[in-house]
């Protein structure tokens, strides 16, 4: 997969993360494959975290005076 998930939505990235977890939980996975899947999962987690940070910066809140401010 690499990190070409730049165009993925968060939902798609979470689906890929679930697929990775399922592979890691498979009984017949080799140690080498488990390291590969773990690394991939960590890359997806970082991507999700970065995306969430971007969204949080765009979220607006309304204060007590009715003014809109960035979160």
Protein backbone atom coordinates (compact mmCIF):
# COMPACT_ATOMS: atom_id res chain seq x y z
CA UNK A 1 0.00 0.00 0.00
CA UNK A 2 2.70 2.53 0.86
CA UNK A 3 1.45 5.88 1.93
CA UNK A 4 -0.55 6.73 -1.13
CA UNK A 5 -3.57 7.12 1.12
CA UNK A 6 -3.19 10.90 0.80
CA UNK A 7 -6.45 10.88 -1.14
CA UNK A 8 -8.26 8.61 1.30
CA UNK A 9 -11.05 9.76 3.51
CA UNK A 10 -10.76 9.06 7.22
CA UNK A 11 -13.39 6.34 6.83
CA UNK A 12 -11.34 4.63 4.13
CA UNK A 13 -8.17 4.90 6.20
CA UNK A 14 -9.99 3.38 9.21
CA UNK A 15 -11.15 0.51 6.97
CA UNK A 16 -7.55 -0.11 5.89
CA UNK A 17 -6.51 -0.02 9.53
CA UNK A 18 -9.15 -2.64 10.36
CA UNK A 19 -7.90 -4.83 7.51
CA UNK A 20 -4.38 -4.52 8.90
CA UNK A 21 -5.55 -5.50 12.38
CA UNK A 22 -7.35 -8.55 10.96
CA UNK A 23 -4.14 -9.62 9.20
CA UNK A 24 -2.17 -9.19 12.42
CA UNK A 25 -4.68 -11.34 14.29
CA UNK A 26 -4.54 -14.16 11.73
CA UNK A 27 -3.14 -17.36 13.23
CA UNK A 28 -0.82 -18.20 10.35
CA UNK A 29 0.92 -14.84 10.03
CA UNK A 30 4.69 -15.03 9.99
CA UNK A 31 6.84 -12.86 12.19
CA UNK A 32 8.17 -11.03 9.12
CA UNK A 33 4.66 -10.36 7.83
CA UNK A 34 3.50 -9.21 11.26
CA UNK A 35 6.30 -6.62 11.36
CA UNK A 36 5.33 -5.45 7.88
CA UNK A 37 1.65 -5.18 8.82
CA UNK A 38 2.50 -3.43 12.10
CA UNK A 39 4.62 -0.84 10.25
CA UNK A 40 1.82 -0.28 7.75
CA UNK A 41 -0.71 0.07 10.55
CA UNK A 42 1.45 2.67 12.28
CA UNK A 43 1.70 4.65 9.02
CA UNK A 44 -2.09 4.57 8.68
CA UNK A 45 -2.50 5.67 12.32
CA UNK A 46 -0.18 8.63 11.69
CA UNK A 47 -2.15 9.54 8.56
CA UNK A 48 -5.42 9.41 10.54
CA UNK A 49 -3.95 11.47 13.35
CA UNK A 50 -2.70 14.10 10.90
CA UNK A 51 -6.11 14.23 9.18
CA UNK A 52 -7.91 14.60 12.53
CA UNK A 53 -5.53 17.41 13.51
CA UNK A 54 -6.35 19.19 10.24
CA UNK A 55 -10.08 18.85 10.89
CA UNK A 56 -9.74 20.06 14.49
CA UNK A 57 -7.99 23.20 13.28
CA UNK A 58 -10.92 23.93 10.96
CA UNK A 59 -13.61 23.36 13.56
CA UNK A 60 -15.28 26.55 14.68
CA UNK A 61 -16.96 27.20 17.97
CA UNK A 62 -19.43 29.83 19.07
CA UNK A 63 -18.48 31.61 22.28
CA UNK A 64 -20.80 33.08 24.91
CA UNK A 65 -21.10 36.33 22.94
CA UNK A 66 -22.33 34.53 19.82
CA UNK A 67 -19.03 35.09 18.01
CA UNK A 68 -17.51 32.38 15.87
CA UNK A 69 -13.92 31.46 16.74
CA UNK A 70 -11.56 28.76 15.60
CA UNK A 71 -11.37 25.82 17.99
